[in-house]
Amino acid sequence: MKKVALAVSHLQTEFVTRAGIARAVNDVSLFVEPGEILGLVGESGSGKSMTGFSILGLVERPGRVVGGKIELTGADGKSVDLRQLDDLQMRSIRGNRIAMIFQDPMMTLNPVLKIGTQMMETVRAHNRVSKKEAYRRAVEALQSVGIPAAEQRMAAYPHQFSGGMRQRVVIAIALLNKPDVIIADEPTTALDVTIQGQILFQMQKICRDSGTALIWITHDLSVVSELADRVSVMYAGKIVESGSTRQILELPGHPYTQGLIRSTPSANIRGVPLKQIPGMTPSLVNLPGGCAFRDRCEFATAQCETTPALESRRDKGSVRCFHPLTQDEEVFA
């Protein structure tokens, strides 16, 4: 049996609003193994970022995690359910055994403190080490993400870095304490393609060399195709399909996954108009009964008025659909 670094079971997160209860994360289960990269994909509002925040205990009121299990397993084989920990215990784990990379690096970096000061504080918050040792680890982390002249950069402020370099610093901070799991929330969205490619390469290398498990949250399937080993697709707070990256991109089972692929530009289908998914993501406060995607789905039938379960496929993936696509149906038909 393969070792699992993080296993999330039946996670549920909701927001109490005047209009009703919005179920942002609705019975989500996923896992990631050491050294593996899992892509968590979906439209804006699908619940993918909220899943990451829920795992790290970063959901603020009026949001609350109301169910599920979040099991983190370290290199020593010992597991802990993060939902059973209090705030003080979570602070000792967050940034240490499990870390997060945010979309905007300025959410992580303090603009009035030098990069070196911030990184050394991160090391010493979780380890009883000297300033000299904390400095050494910080320089080493900057070097690992490809930042040149790392020692000189320790004395710089965040505004003295470009956007791509700031994002590399944030990744270095996440790596400082050699976490078992990193959750990255669309960290390359605002970067140009060249810098994005460099960061994706660095993340693959880091996960392969250190054994750190990575959950990469994104709406960009082109990023997933280059980076992830496996993919889970989210829609309206639920995972609707999971499988290997190749399987998901070449033989999608769920019509929503097919819709995402069809709406992505590709050099392989020049001259073919992109086909957008009709309609809008439904309100999480007032989800339709049964399959949440049925009002936008061309294959929907009366059976879709009941809720489908996440069923295993022959190719070892899983799909939440009564009418999954087959190998005979072309993605771009």
C-alpha atoms as a PDB file:
ATOM      1  CA  MET A   1       0.000   0.000   0.000  1.00  0.00           C
ATOM      2  CA  LYS A   2       1.350   3.416  -0.998  1.00  0.00           C
ATOM      3  CA  LYS A   3       2.062   6.004   1.658  1.00  0.00           C
ATOM      4  CA  VAL A   4      -0.202   9.073   1.694  1.00  0.00           C
ATOM      5  CA  ALA A   5       1.104  12.453   2.870  1.00  0.00           C
ATOM      6  CA  LEU A   6      -2.335  14.076   3.136  1.00  0.00           C
ATOM      7  CA  ALA A   7      -5.763  12.442   3.072  1.00  0.00           C
ATOM      8  CA  VAL A   8      -8.932  14.565   3.130  1.00  0.00           C
ATOM      9  CA  SER A   9     -12.200  12.730   3.723  1.00  0.00           C
ATOM     10  CA  HIS A  10     -15.723  14.165   3.295  1.00  0.00           C
ATOM     11  CA  LEU A  11     -14.625  17.738   3.984  1.00  0.00           C
ATOM     12  CA  GLN A  12     -17.465  20.239   4.368  1.00  0.00           C
ATOM     13  CA  THR A  13     -17.167  24.021   4.671  1.00  0.00           C
ATOM     14  CA  GLU A  14     -20.106  26.406   4.722  1.00  0.00           C
ATOM     15  CA  PHE A  15     -20.810  30.122   4.981  1.00  0.00           C
ATOM     16  CA  VAL A  16     -23.849  31.406   6.853  1.00  0.00           C
ATOM     17  CA  THR A  17     -25.311  34.360   4.920  1.00  0.00           C
ATOM     18  CA  ARG A  18     -28.545  36.327   5.036  1.00  0.00           C
ATOM     19  CA  ALA A  19     -29.676  34.501   1.903  1.00  0.00           C
ATOM     20  CA  GLY A  20     -28.981  31.087   3.428  1.00  0.00           C
ATOM     21  CA  ILE A  21     -26.156  28.612   3.880  1.00  0.00           C
ATOM     22  CA  ALA A  22     -23.557  28.497   1.080  1.00  0.00           C
ATOM     23  CA  ARG A  23     -21.820  25.110   0.941  1.00  0.00           C
ATOM     24  CA  ALA A  24     -18.489  26.146  -0.526  1.00  0.00           C
ATOM     25  CA  VAL A  25     -16.878  22.734   0.060  1.00  0.00           C
ATOM     26  CA  ASN A  26     -19.419  19.944  -0.102  1.00  0.00           C
ATOM     27  CA  ASP A  27     -18.194  16.452   0.815  1.00  0.00           C
ATOM     28  CA  VAL A  28     -14.728  16.682  -0.771  1.00  0.00           C
ATOM     29  CA  SER A  29     -12.330  13.747  -0.509  1.00  0.00           C
ATOM     30  CA  LEU A  30      -8.803  13.702  -1.965  1.00  0.00           C
ATOM     31  CA  PHE A  31      -5.293  12.486  -1.222  1.00  0.00           C
ATOM     32  CA  VAL A  32      -1.731  13.221  -2.265  1.00  0.00           C
ATOM     33  CA  GLU A  33       1.360  11.035  -1.885  1.00  0.00           C
ATOM     34  CA  PRO A  34       4.908  12.135  -0.956  1.00  0.00           C
ATOM     35  CA  GLY A  35       6.616  13.731  -3.954  1.00  0.00           C
ATOM     36  CA  GLU A  36       3.371  13.767  -5.928  1.00  0.00           C
ATOM     37  CA  ILE A  37       1.715  16.817  -7.509  1.00  0.00           C
ATOM     38  CA  LEU A  38      -2.081  16.937  -7.502  1.00  0.00           C
ATOM     39  CA  GLY A  39      -3.812  19.521  -9.684  1.00  0.00           C
ATOM     40  CA  LEU A  40      -7.091  20.850  -8.258  1.00  0.00           C
ATOM     41  CA  VAL A  41      -8.956  22.400 -11.196  1.00  0.00           C
ATOM     42  CA  GLY A  42     -12.200  24.314 -11.693  1.00  0.00           C
ATOM     43  CA  GLU A  43     -13.869  27.615 -12.578  1.00  0.00           C
ATOM     44  CA  SER A  44     -13.840  30.573 -10.218  1.00  0.00           C
ATOM     45  CA  GLY A  45     -16.264  29.820  -7.398  1.00  0.00           C
ATOM     46  CA  SER A  46     -15.938  26.047  -7.720  1.00  0.00           C
ATOM     47  CA  GLY A  47     -14.526  25.720  -4.194  1.00  0.00           C
ATOM     48  CA  LYS A  48     -10.941  24.795  -4.978  1.00  0.00           C
ATOM     49  CA  SER A  49      -9.273  27.670  -3.083  1.00  0.00           C
ATOM     50  CA  MET A  50     -11.671  27.259  -0.164  1.00  0.00           C
ATOM     51  CA  THR A  51     -10.667  23.604  -0.002  1.00  0.00           C
ATOM     52  CA  GLY A  52      -7.053  24.698   0.475  1.00  0.00           C
ATOM     53  CA  PHE A  53      -7.973  27.264   3.132  1.00  0.00           C
ATOM     54  CA  SER A  54     -10.099  24.661   4.942  1.00  0.00           C
ATOM     55  CA  ILE A  55      -7.215  22.185   5.068  1.00  0.00           C
ATOM     56  CA  LEU A  56      -4.944  24.777   6.703  1.00  0.00           C
ATOM     57  CA  GLY A  57      -7.624  26.086   9.076  1.00  0.00           C
ATOM     58  CA  LEU A  58      -7.647  29.531   7.455  1.00  0.00           C
ATOM     59  CA  VAL A  59     -11.413  29.871   6.942  1.00  0.00           C
ATOM     60  CA  GLU A  60     -12.643  33.042   8.636  1.00  0.00           C
ATOM     61  CA  ARG A  61     -16.153  33.875   9.834  1.00  0.00           C
ATOM     62  CA  PRO A  62     -18.866  33.660   8.661  1.00  0.00           C
ATOM     63  CA  GLY A  63     -17.246  30.550   7.188  1.00  0.00           C
ATOM     64  CA  ARG A  64     -16.720  27.356   9.169  1.00  0.00           C
ATOM     65  CA  VAL A  65     -15.542  23.801   8.567  1.00  0.00           C
ATOM     66  CA  VAL A  66     -18.453  21.639   9.712  1.00  0.00           C
ATOM     67  CA  GLY A  67     -17.405  18.114   8.785  1.00  0.00           C
ATOM     68  CA  GLY A  68     -14.764  15.775   7.505  1.00  0.00           C
ATOM     69  CA  LYS A  69     -11.316  14.520   8.379  1.00  0.00           C
ATOM     70  CA  ILE A  70      -7.932  16.015   7.372  1.00  0.00           C
ATOM     71  CA  GLU A  71      -5.190  13.492   8.064  1.00  0.00           C
ATOM     72  CA  LEU A  72      -1.554  14.638   7.733  1.00  0.00           C
ATOM     73  CA  THR A  73       1.128  11.932   7.794  1.00  0.00           C
ATOM     74  CA  GLY A  74       4.774  12.796   8.390  1.00  0.00           C
ATOM     75  CA  ALA A  75       7.964  11.098   7.248  1.00  0.00           C
ATOM     76  CA  ASP A  76       7.944   9.142  10.517  1.00  0.00           C
ATOM     77  CA  GLY A  77       4.622   7.547   9.560  1.00  0.00           C
ATOM     78  CA  LYS A  78       2.697   9.246  12.374  1.00  0.00           C
ATOM     79  CA  SER A  79      -0.641  10.797  11.427  1.00  0.00           C
ATOM     80  CA  VAL A  80      -2.637  13.646  12.926  1.00  0.00           C
ATOM     81  CA  ASP A  81      -6.178  14.835  12.176  1.00  0.00           C
ATOM     82  CA  LEU A  82      -5.861  18.595  11.684  1.00  0.00           C
ATOM     83  CA  ARG A  83      -9.530  19.116  12.519  1.00  0.00           C
ATOM     84  CA  GLN A  84      -8.915  17.886  16.066  1.00  0.00           C
ATOM     85  CA  LEU A  85      -6.212  20.465  16.803  1.00  0.00           C
ATOM     86  CA  ASP A  86      -6.749  23.765  18.593  1.00  0.00           C
ATOM     87  CA  ASP A  87      -5.457  27.113  17.295  1.00  0.00           C
ATOM     88  CA  LEU A  88      -2.109  26.881  19.120  1.00  0.00           C
ATOM     89  CA  GLN A  89      -1.453  23.371  17.818  1.00  0.00           C
ATOM     90  CA  MET A  90      -2.354  24.403  14.277  1.00  0.00           C
ATOM     91  CA  ARG A  91       0.104  27.322  14.468  1.00  0.00           C
ATOM     92  CA  SER A  92       2.880  24.843  15.227  1.00  0.00           C
ATOM     93  CA  ILE A  93       1.998  22.800  12.117  1.00  0.00           C
ATOM     94  CA  ARG A  94       1.040  25.582   9.673  1.00  0.00           C
ATOM     95  CA  GLY A  95       4.180  26.835   7.921  1.00  0.00           C
ATOM     96  CA  ASN A  96       6.103  23.913   9.365  1.00  0.00           C
ATOM     97  CA  ARG A  97       4.661  20.533   8.332  1.00  0.00           C
ATOM     98  CA  ILE A  98       2.137  21.979   5.902  1.00  0.00           C
ATOM     99  CA  ALA A  99       2.586  25.283   4.064  1.00  0.00           C
ATOM    100  CA  MET A 100       0.676  27.451   1.612  1.00  0.00           C
ATOM    101  CA  ILE A 101       1.729  29.592  -1.336  1.00  0.00           C
ATOM    102  CA  PHE A 102      -0.773  32.370  -2.022  1.00  0.00           C
ATOM    103  CA  GLN A 103      -1.700  33.829  -5.405  1.00  0.00           C
ATOM    104  CA  ASP A 104      -0.426  37.305  -4.534  1.00  0.00           C
ATOM    105  CA  PRO A 105       3.081  37.255  -3.004  1.00  0.00           C
ATOM    106  CA  MET A 106       2.424  40.603  -1.300  1.00  0.00           C
ATOM    107  CA  MET A 107      -0.166  38.795   0.859  1.00  0.00           C
ATOM    108  CA  THR A 108       2.737  36.812   2.301  1.00  0.00           C
ATOM    109  CA  LEU A 109       5.582  39.335   2.331  1.00  0.00           C
ATOM    110  CA  ASN A 110       5.757  42.270   4.726  1.00  0.00           C
ATOM    111  CA  PRO A 111       6.699  45.338   2.637  1.00  0.00           C
ATOM    112  CA  VAL A 112       8.601  47.059   5.496  1.00  0.00           C
ATOM    113  CA  LEU A 113      10.842  44.110   6.442  1.00  0.00           C
ATOM    114  CA  LYS A 114      13.855  42.805   4.584  1.00  0.00           C
ATOM    115  CA  ILE A 115      13.495  39.438   2.883  1.00  0.00           C
ATOM    116  CA  GLY A 116      16.179  37.929   5.109  1.00  0.00           C
ATOM    117  CA  THR A 117      14.447  39.088   8.288  1.00  0.00           C
ATOM    118  CA  GLN A 118      11.148  37.549   7.218  1.00  0.00           C
ATOM    119  CA  MET A 119      12.724  34.254   6.226  1.00  0.00           C
ATOM    120  CA  MET A 120      14.800  33.934   9.395  1.00  0.00           C
ATOM    121  CA  GLU A 121      11.730  34.618  11.526  1.00  0.00           C
ATOM    122  CA  THR A 122       9.916  31.816   9.700  1.00  0.00           C
ATOM    123  CA  VAL A 123      12.715  29.378  10.509  1.00  0.00           C
ATOM    124  CA  ARG A 124      13.032  30.384  14.166  1.00  0.00           C
ATOM    125  CA  ALA A 125       9.260  30.313  14.759  1.00  0.00           C
ATOM    126  CA  HIS A 126       9.344  26.533  14.425  1.00  0.00           C
ATOM    127  CA  ASN A 127      12.954  25.600  15.225  1.00  0.00           C
ATOM    128  CA  ARG A 128      15.300  26.372  18.107  1.00  0.00           C
ATOM    129  CA  VAL A 129      18.285  27.417  16.025  1.00  0.00           C
ATOM    130  CA  SER A 130      20.769  30.282  16.076  1.00  0.00           C
ATOM    131  CA  LYS A 131      20.442  33.334  13.837  1.00  0.00           C
ATOM    132  CA  LYS A 132      23.461  32.087  11.910  1.00  0.00           C
ATOM    133  CA  GLU A 133      21.785  28.744  11.188  1.00  0.00           C
ATOM    134  CA  ALA A 134      18.481  30.438  10.290  1.00  0.00           C
ATOM    135  CA  TYR A 135      20.396  32.691   7.895  1.00  0.00           C
ATOM    136  CA  ARG A 136      22.100  29.709   6.288  1.00  0.00           C
ATOM    137  CA  ARG A 137      18.779  27.915   5.765  1.00  0.00           C
ATOM    138  CA  ALA A 138      17.202  31.033   4.272  1.00  0.00           C
ATOM    139  CA  VAL A 139      20.036  31.503   1.780  1.00  0.00           C
ATOM    140  CA  GLU A 140      19.867  27.825   0.861  1.00  0.00           C
ATOM    141  CA  ALA A 141      16.101  28.093   0.254  1.00  0.00           C
ATOM    142  CA  LEU A 142      16.553  31.116  -2.026  1.00  0.00           C
ATOM    143  CA  GLN A 143      19.183  29.242  -3.997  1.00  0.00           C
ATOM    144  CA  SER A 144      16.890  26.216  -4.346  1.00  0.00           C
ATOM    145  CA  VAL A 145      14.281  28.290  -6.217  1.00  0.00           C
ATOM    146  CA  GLY A 146      16.837  29.771  -8.600  1.00  0.00           C
ATOM    147  CA  ILE A 147      17.388  33.233  -7.114  1.00  0.00           C
ATOM    148  CA  PRO A 148      20.888  34.478  -8.053  1.00  0.00           C
ATOM    149  CA  ALA A 149      23.140  36.247  -5.546  1.00  0.00           C
ATOM    150  CA  ALA A 150      21.012  34.878  -2.710  1.00  0.00           C
ATOM    151  CA  GLU A 151      23.094  36.392   0.103  1.00  0.00           C
ATOM    152  CA  GLN A 152      22.818  39.891  -1.356  1.00  0.00           C
ATOM    153  CA  ARG A 153      19.072  39.410  -1.887  1.00  0.00           C
ATOM    154  CA  MET A 154      18.615  38.704   1.835  1.00  0.00           C
ATOM    155  CA  ALA A 155      19.189  42.421   2.487  1.00  0.00           C
ATOM    156  CA  ALA A 156      16.592  43.573  -0.081  1.00  0.00           C
ATOM    157  CA  TYR A 157      12.970  44.613   0.479  1.00  0.00           C
ATOM    158  CA  PRO A 158      10.024  43.037  -1.408  1.00  0.00           C
ATOM    159  CA  HIS A 159       9.532  46.106  -3.641  1.00  0.00           C
ATOM    160  CA  GLN A 160      13.076  45.641  -4.945  1.00  0.00           C
ATOM    161  CA  PHE A 161      12.079  42.324  -6.544  1.00  0.00           C
ATOM    162  CA  SER A 162      10.136  41.745  -9.747  1.00  0.00           C
ATOM    163  CA  GLY A 163       6.790  39.923  -9.569  1.00  0.00           C
ATOM    164  CA  GLY A 164       8.374  36.631 -10.604  1.00  0.00           C
ATOM    165  CA  MET A 165      11.201  36.977  -8.090  1.00  0.00           C
ATOM    166  CA  ARG A 166       8.760  37.806  -5.291  1.00  0.00           C
ATOM    167  CA  GLN A 167       6.831  34.645  -6.088  1.00  0.00           C
ATOM    168  CA  ARG A 168      10.078  32.654  -5.932  1.00  0.00           C
ATOM    169  CA  VAL A 169      10.756  34.152  -2.489  1.00  0.00           C
ATOM    170  CA  VAL A 170       7.298  33.078  -1.328  1.00  0.00           C
ATOM    171  CA  ILE A 171       7.963  29.546  -2.591  1.00  0.00           C
ATOM    172  CA  ALA A 172      11.312  29.577  -0.771  1.00  0.00           C
ATOM    173  CA  ILE A 173       9.559  30.605   2.469  1.00  0.00           C
ATOM    174  CA  ALA A 174       7.109  27.705   2.056  1.00  0.00           C
ATOM    175  CA  LEU A 175      10.075  25.336   1.675  1.00  0.00           C
ATOM    176  CA  LEU A 176      12.096  26.662   4.625  1.00  0.00           C
ATOM    177  CA  ASN A 177      10.960  24.099   7.189  1.00  0.00           C
ATOM    178  CA  LYS A 178      10.837  21.201   4.711  1.00  0.00           C
ATOM    179  CA  PRO A 179       7.058  20.632   4.960  1.00  0.00           C
ATOM    180  CA  ASP A 180       5.395  17.328   4.171  1.00  0.00           C
ATOM    181  CA  VAL A 181       2.732  19.106   2.084  1.00  0.00           C
ATOM    182  CA  ILE A 182       2.520  22.425   0.216  1.00  0.00           C
ATOM    183  CA  ILE A 183      -0.758  23.888  -1.062  1.00  0.00           C
ATOM    184  CA  ALA A 184      -0.245  26.407  -3.887  1.00  0.00           C
ATOM    185  CA  ASP A 185      -3.226  28.653  -4.685  1.00  0.00           C
ATOM    186  CA  GLU A 186      -2.763  29.776  -8.319  1.00  0.00           C
ATOM    187  CA  PRO A 187       0.725  31.216  -7.623  1.00  0.00           C
ATOM    188  CA  THR A 188       1.630  31.816 -11.289  1.00  0.00           C
ATOM    189  CA  THR A 189      -1.614  33.435 -12.525  1.00  0.00           C
ATOM    190  CA  ALA A 190      -0.229  36.991 -12.648  1.00  0.00           C
ATOM    191  CA  LEU A 191       3.141  36.030 -14.156  1.00  0.00           C
ATOM    192  CA  ASP A 192       4.210  36.009 -17.792  1.00  0.00           C
ATOM    193  CA  VAL A 193       4.545  32.679 -19.573  1.00  0.00           C
ATOM    194  CA  THR A 194       8.371  32.541 -19.442  1.00  0.00           C
ATOM    195  CA  ILE A 195       8.554  33.119 -15.681  1.00  0.00           C
ATOM    196  CA  GLN A 196       5.617  30.759 -15.179  1.00  0.00           C
ATOM    197  CA  GLY A 197       7.472  27.981 -17.001  1.00  0.00           C
ATOM    198  CA  GLN A 198      10.571  28.503 -14.864  1.00  0.00           C
ATOM    199  CA  ILE A 199       8.582  28.302 -11.630  1.00  0.00           C
ATOM    200  CA  LEU A 200       6.731  25.162 -12.756  1.00  0.00           C
ATOM    201  CA  PHE A 201      10.081  23.516 -13.527  1.00  0.00           C
ATOM    202  CA  GLN A 202      11.457  24.521 -10.119  1.00  0.00           C
ATOM    203  CA  MET A 203       8.389  23.137  -8.309  1.00  0.00           C
ATOM    204  CA  GLN A 204       8.607  19.801 -10.117  1.00  0.00           C
ATOM    205  CA  LYS A 205      12.295  19.526  -9.262  1.00  0.00           C
ATOM    206  CA  ILE A 206      11.713  20.458  -5.611  1.00  0.00           C
ATOM    207  CA  CYS A 207       8.933  17.879  -5.159  1.00  0.00           C
ATOM    208  CA  ARG A 208      10.988  15.188  -6.865  1.00  0.00           C
ATOM    209  CA  ASP A 209      14.144  15.909  -4.866  1.00  0.00           C
ATOM    210  CA  SER A 210      12.601  16.557  -1.423  1.00  0.00           C
ATOM    211  CA  GLY A 211       9.580  14.249  -1.458  1.00  0.00           C
ATOM    212  CA  THR A 212       7.255  17.135  -0.602  1.00  0.00           C
ATOM    213  CA  ALA A 213       3.653  16.564  -1.719  1.00  0.00           C
ATOM    214  CA  LEU A 214       2.083  19.457  -3.642  1.00  0.00           C
ATOM    215  CA  ILE A 215      -1.540  20.428  -4.257  1.00  0.00           C
ATOM    216  CA  TRP A 216      -1.602  22.955  -7.107  1.00  0.00           C
ATOM    217  CA  ILE A 217      -4.872  24.904  -7.276  1.00  0.00           C
ATOM    218  CA  THR A 218      -5.576  26.423 -10.690  1.00  0.00           C
ATOM    219  CA  HIS A 219      -8.135  27.115 -13.401  1.00  0.00           C
ATOM    220  CA  ASP A 220      -5.496  26.740 -16.126  1.00  0.00           C
ATOM    221  CA  LEU A 221      -5.434  23.270 -17.697  1.00  0.00           C
ATOM    222  CA  SER A 222      -2.279  24.099 -19.660  1.00  0.00           C
ATOM    223  CA  VAL A 223      -0.415  24.522 -16.360  1.00  0.00           C
ATOM    224  CA  VAL A 224      -1.813  21.225 -15.059  1.00  0.00           C
ATOM    225  CA  SER A 225      -0.735  19.387 -18.205  1.00  0.00           C
ATOM    226  CA  GLU A 226       2.904  20.382 -17.612  1.00  0.00           C
ATOM    227  CA  LEU A 227       2.995  20.019 -13.848  1.00  0.00           C
ATOM    228  CA  ALA A 228       0.595  17.571 -12.216  1.00  0.00           C
ATOM    229  CA  ASP A 229       0.740  13.800 -11.843  1.00  0.00           C
ATOM    230  CA  ARG A 230      -2.977  13.555 -11.059  1.00  0.00           C
ATOM    231  CA  VAL A 231      -5.950  15.904 -11.428  1.00  0.00           C
ATOM    232  CA  SER A 232      -9.166  16.421  -9.455  1.00  0.00           C
ATOM    233  CA  VAL A 233     -11.834  18.578 -11.103  1.00  0.00           C
ATOM    234  CA  MET A 234     -14.180  20.603  -8.869  1.00  0.00           C
ATOM    235  CA  TYR A 235     -17.595  22.061  -9.615  1.00  0.00           C
ATOM    236  CA  ALA A 236     -20.008  23.771  -7.201  1.00  0.00           C
ATOM    237  CA  GLY A 237     -18.101  22.577  -4.128  1.00  0.00           C
ATOM    238  CA  LYS A 238     -17.774  18.924  -5.192  1.00  0.00           C
ATOM    239  CA  ILE A 239     -15.130  16.863  -6.956  1.00  0.00           C
ATOM    240  CA  VAL A 240     -16.735  15.659 -10.174  1.00  0.00           C
ATOM    241  CA  GLU A 241     -13.792  13.763 -11.654  1.00  0.00           C
ATOM    242  CA  SER A 242     -10.361  12.474 -10.627  1.00  0.00           C
ATOM    243  CA  GLY A 243      -7.634  10.577 -12.406  1.00  0.00           C
ATOM    244  CA  SER A 244      -4.155  10.752 -13.907  1.00  0.00           C
ATOM    245  CA  THR A 245      -3.347  13.940 -15.804  1.00  0.00           C
ATOM    246  CA  ARG A 246      -3.080  12.106 -19.111  1.00  0.00           C
ATOM    247  CA  GLN A 247      -6.375  10.319 -18.565  1.00  0.00           C
ATOM    248  CA  ILE A 248      -8.244  13.494 -17.602  1.00  0.00           C
ATOM    249  CA  LEU A 249      -6.921  15.555 -20.518  1.00  0.00           C
ATOM    250  CA  GLU A 250      -7.128  12.879 -23.227  1.00  0.00           C
ATOM    251  CA  LEU A 251     -10.207  10.924 -22.115  1.00  0.00           C
ATOM    252  CA  PRO A 252     -12.337  13.091 -19.815  1.00  0.00           C
ATOM    253  CA  GLY A 253     -15.333  11.327 -18.338  1.00  0.00           C
ATOM    254  CA  HIS A 254     -17.404  14.236 -17.031  1.00  0.00           C
ATOM    255  CA  PRO A 255     -19.088  16.683 -19.473  1.00  0.00           C
ATOM    256  CA  TYR A 256     -17.821  19.570 -17.306  1.00  0.00           C
ATOM    257  CA  THR A 257     -14.214  18.405 -17.718  1.00  0.00           C
ATOM    258  CA  GLN A 258     -14.798  18.123 -21.446  1.00  0.00           C
ATOM    259  CA  GLY A 259     -16.175  21.673 -21.434  1.00  0.00           C
ATOM    260  CA  LEU A 260     -13.072  23.008 -19.678  1.00  0.00           C
ATOM    261  CA  ILE A 261     -10.807  21.326 -22.231  1.00  0.00           C
ATOM    262  CA  ARG A 262     -12.872  22.562 -25.184  1.00  0.00           C
ATOM    263  CA  SER A 263     -12.599  26.140 -23.958  1.00  0.00           C
ATOM    264  CA  THR A 264      -8.784  26.012 -23.735  1.00  0.00           C
ATOM    265  CA  PRO A 265      -6.767  27.293 -26.728  1.00  0.00           C
ATOM    266  CA  SER A 266      -4.571  24.611 -28.292  1.00  0.00           C
ATOM    267  CA  ALA A 267      -2.066  24.522 -31.149  1.00  0.00           C
ATOM    268  CA  ASN A 268      -3.466  21.100 -32.082  1.00  0.00           C
ATOM    269  CA  ILE A 269      -6.866  22.467 -33.141  1.00  0.00           C
ATOM    270  CA  ARG A 270      -6.065  25.644 -35.081  1.00  0.00           C
ATOM    271  CA  GLY A 271      -9.036  27.101 -36.912  1.00  0.00           C
ATOM    272  CA  VAL A 272     -11.587  25.416 -34.627  1.00  0.00           C
ATOM    273  CA  PRO A 273     -13.651  27.918 -32.595  1.00  0.00           C
ATOM    274  CA  LEU A 274     -13.451  27.515 -28.837  1.00  0.00           C
ATOM    275  CA  LYS A 275     -16.659  26.144 -27.353  1.00  0.00           C
ATOM    276  CA  GLN A 276     -17.559  27.766 -24.061  1.00  0.00           C
ATOM    277  CA  ILE A 277     -19.636  26.106 -21.363  1.00  0.00           C
ATOM    278  CA  PRO A 278     -23.127  27.640 -21.523  1.00  0.00           C
ATOM    279  CA  GLY A 279     -24.654  29.397 -18.522  1.00  0.00           C
ATOM    280  CA  MET A 280     -23.088  30.327 -15.208  1.00  0.00           C
ATOM    281  CA  THR A 281     -21.928  28.489 -12.088  1.00  0.00           C
ATOM    282  CA  PRO A 282     -25.014  28.099  -9.857  1.00  0.00           C
ATOM    283  CA  SER A 283     -25.375  29.966  -6.578  1.00  0.00           C
ATOM    284  CA  LEU A 284     -24.011  27.894  -3.707  1.00  0.00           C
ATOM    285  CA  VAL A 285     -26.900  29.157  -1.578  1.00  0.00           C
ATOM    286  CA  ASN A 286     -29.489  27.830  -3.998  1.00  0.00           C
ATOM    287  CA  LEU A 287     -28.005  24.808  -5.767  1.00  0.00           C
ATOM    288  CA  PRO A 288     -30.321  22.889  -8.118  1.00  0.00           C
ATOM    289  CA  GLY A 289     -31.442  19.461  -6.968  1.00  0.00           C
ATOM    290  CA  GLY A 290     -29.521  16.458  -8.218  1.00  0.00           C
ATOM    291  CA  CYS A 291     -26.455  17.086 -10.380  1.00  0.00           C
ATOM    292  CA  ALA A 292     -25.385  20.728  -9.976  1.00  0.00           C
ATOM    293  CA  PHE A 293     -24.134  20.794 -13.576  1.00  0.00           C
ATOM    294  CA  ARG A 294     -27.338  19.501 -15.204  1.00  0.00           C
ATOM    295  CA  ASP A 295     -28.693  22.924 -16.249  1.00  0.00           C
ATOM    296  CA  ARG A 296     -25.522  23.529 -18.290  1.00  0.00           C
ATOM    297  CA  CYS A 297     -25.034  19.980 -19.573  1.00  0.00           C
ATOM    298  CA  GLU A 298     -25.951  18.854 -23.108  1.00  0.00           C
ATOM    299  CA  PHE A 299     -26.274  15.243 -21.952  1.00  0.00           C
ATOM    300  CA  ALA A 300     -28.620  15.859 -18.991  1.00  0.00           C
ATOM    301  CA  THR A 301     -31.709  13.656 -18.609  1.00  0.00           C
ATOM    302  CA  ALA A 302     -34.439  13.216 -16.001  1.00  0.00           C
ATOM    303  CA  GLN A 303     -32.083  10.869 -14.137  1.00  0.00           C
ATOM    304  CA  CYS A 304     -29.790  13.839 -13.431  1.00  0.00           C
ATOM    305  CA  GLU A 305     -32.431  15.279 -11.091  1.00  0.00           C
ATOM    306  CA  THR A 306     -31.047  12.839  -8.517  1.00  0.00           C
ATOM    307  CA  THR A 307     -27.534  13.262  -7.102  1.00  0.00           C
ATOM    308  CA  PRO A 308     -24.852  11.073  -8.758  1.00  0.00           C
ATOM    309  CA  ALA A 309     -22.157   9.390  -6.688  1.00  0.00           C
ATOM    310  CA  LEU A 310     -18.431   9.507  -7.442  1.00  0.00           C
ATOM    311  CA  GLU A 311     -18.003   6.169  -9.243  1.00  0.00           C
ATOM    312  CA  SER A 312     -14.774   4.410 -10.164  1.00  0.00           C
ATOM    313  CA  ARG A 313     -13.881   4.031 -13.846  1.00  0.00           C
ATOM    314  CA  ARG A 314     -12.156   1.116 -15.543  1.00  0.00           C
ATOM    315  CA  ASP A 315      -9.030   3.219 -16.021  1.00  0.00           C
ATOM    316  CA  LYS A 316      -8.649   3.715 -12.225  1.00  0.00           C
ATOM    317  CA  GLY A 317     -10.090   7.216 -12.248  1.00  0.00           C
ATOM    318  CA  SER A 318     -13.473   8.270 -10.878  1.00  0.00           C
ATOM    319  CA  VAL A 319     -16.336  10.399 -12.192  1.00  0.00           C
ATOM    320  CA  ARG A 320     -19.535  11.839 -10.695  1.00  0.00           C
ATOM    321  CA  CYS A 321     -21.945  11.471 -13.612  1.00  0.00           C
ATOM    322  CA  PHE A 322     -24.841   9.266 -14.786  1.00  0.00           C
ATOM    323  CA  HIS A 323     -23.758   9.699 -18.425  1.00  0.00           C
ATOM    324  CA  PRO A 324     -19.945   9.675 -18.457  1.00  0.00           C
ATOM    325  CA  LEU A 325     -18.251  10.186 -21.811  1.00  0.00           C
ATOM    326  CA  THR A 326     -16.660   7.163 -23.479  1.00  0.00           C
ATOM    327  CA  GLN A 327     -13.456   6.716 -25.445  1.00  0.00           C
ATOM    328  CA  ASP A 328     -15.476   6.879 -28.669  1.00  0.00           C
ATOM    329  CA  GLU A 329     -16.541  10.478 -28.025  1.00  0.00           C
ATOM    330  CA  GLU A 330     -14.067  13.106 -29.223  1.00  0.00           C
ATOM    331  CA  VAL A 331     -13.172  15.865 -26.777  1.00  0.00           C
ATOM    332  CA  PHE A 332     -13.351  18.505 -29.497  1.00  0.00           C
ATOM    333  CA  ALA A 333     -16.343  17.083 -31.398  1.00  0.00           C
END
